[in-house]
Amino acid sequence: MVMNHEIIIFTPFFAVLIGFIFFRIFKKRKRSAKSIYKLIDDLEKKYIY
């Protein structure tokens, strides 16, 4: 019973920690992807239009 009690307490903590790490990585990738799309749009405006 003690083992199950520890699992119940620590599982949400690890889930939140892993979710926070993935969120940070996704946020950084989103920012870099946004800058890449902006660069592509600027190049299209410069050379196509």
C-alpha atoms as a PDB file:
ATOM      1  CA  MET A   1       0.000   0.000   0.000  1.00  0.00           C
ATOM      2  CA  VAL A   2       2.850   2.395   0.716  1.00  0.00           C
ATOM      3  CA  MET A   3       4.256   1.936  -2.791  1.00  0.00           C
ATOM      4  CA  ASN A   4       0.901   2.804  -4.395  1.00  0.00           C
ATOM      5  CA  HIS A   5       0.617   5.906  -2.221  1.00  0.00           C
ATOM      6  CA  GLU A   6       4.016   7.180  -3.425  1.00  0.00           C
ATOM      7  CA  ILE A   7       3.094   6.547  -7.043  1.00  0.00           C
ATOM      8  CA  ILE A   8      -0.153   8.482  -6.624  1.00  0.00           C
ATOM      9  CA  ILE A   9       1.715  11.452  -5.136  1.00  0.00           C
ATOM     10  CA  PHE A  10       4.680  11.618  -7.536  1.00  0.00           C
ATOM     11  CA  THR A  11       3.010  10.786 -10.870  1.00  0.00           C
ATOM     12  CA  PRO A  12       1.256  14.181 -11.268  1.00  0.00           C
ATOM     13  CA  PHE A  13       4.475  15.961 -10.294  1.00  0.00           C
ATOM     14  CA  PHE A  14       6.467  14.183 -13.006  1.00  0.00           C
ATOM     15  CA  ALA A  15       3.677  14.703 -15.542  1.00  0.00           C
ATOM     16  CA  VAL A  16       3.674  18.459 -14.895  1.00  0.00           C
ATOM     17  CA  LEU A  17       7.472  18.570 -15.097  1.00  0.00           C
ATOM     18  CA  ILE A  18       7.564  16.711 -18.421  1.00  0.00           C
ATOM     19  CA  GLY A  19       4.738  18.871 -19.788  1.00  0.00           C
ATOM     20  CA  PHE A  20       6.592  22.042 -18.786  1.00  0.00           C
ATOM     21  CA  ILE A  21       9.766  20.838 -20.539  1.00  0.00           C
ATOM     22  CA  PHE A  22       7.851  20.015 -23.744  1.00  0.00           C
ATOM     23  CA  PHE A  23       6.094  23.389 -23.588  1.00  0.00           C
ATOM     24  CA  ARG A  24       9.432  25.210 -23.340  1.00  0.00           C
ATOM     25  CA  ILE A  25      10.857  23.291 -26.308  1.00  0.00           C
ATOM     26  CA  PHE A  26       7.700  23.874 -28.374  1.00  0.00           C
ATOM     27  CA  LYS A  27       7.731  27.587 -27.552  1.00  0.00           C
ATOM     28  CA  LYS A  28      11.337  27.941 -28.713  1.00  0.00           C
ATOM     29  CA  ARG A  29      10.621  26.031 -31.925  1.00  0.00           C
ATOM     30  CA  LYS A  30       7.530  28.105 -32.575  1.00  0.00           C
ATOM     31  CA  ARG A  31       9.503  31.302 -32.196  1.00  0.00           C
ATOM     32  CA  SER A  32      12.225  30.158 -34.594  1.00  0.00           C
ATOM     33  CA  ALA A  33       9.657  28.887 -37.105  1.00  0.00           C
ATOM     34  CA  LYS A  34       7.886  32.239 -36.941  1.00  0.00           C
ATOM     35  CA  SER A  35      11.115  34.063 -37.740  1.00  0.00           C
ATOM     36  CA  ILE A  36      11.780  31.681 -40.655  1.00  0.00           C
ATOM     37  CA  TYR A  37       8.308  32.319 -42.092  1.00  0.00           C
ATOM     38  CA  LYS A  38       8.868  36.059 -41.744  1.00  0.00           C
ATOM     39  CA  LEU A  39      12.164  35.742 -43.601  1.00  0.00           C
ATOM     40  CA  ILE A  40      10.491  33.774 -46.420  1.00  0.00           C
ATOM     41  CA  ASP A  41       7.707  36.358 -46.697  1.00  0.00           C
ATOM     42  CA  ASP A  42      10.237  39.191 -46.858  1.00  0.00           C
ATOM     43  CA  LEU A  43      12.193  37.429 -49.591  1.00  0.00           C
ATOM     44  CA  GLU A  44       9.001  36.772 -51.579  1.00  0.00           C
ATOM     45  CA  LYS A  45       8.018  40.434 -51.361  1.00  0.00           C
ATOM     46  CA  LYS A  46      11.495  41.510 -52.432  1.00  0.00           C
ATOM     47  CA  TYR A  47      11.958  39.189 -55.412  1.00  0.00           C
ATOM     48  CA  ILE A  48       8.453  38.254 -56.607  1.00  0.00           C
ATOM     49  CA  TYR A  49       6.245  41.314 -56.126  1.00  0.00           C
END
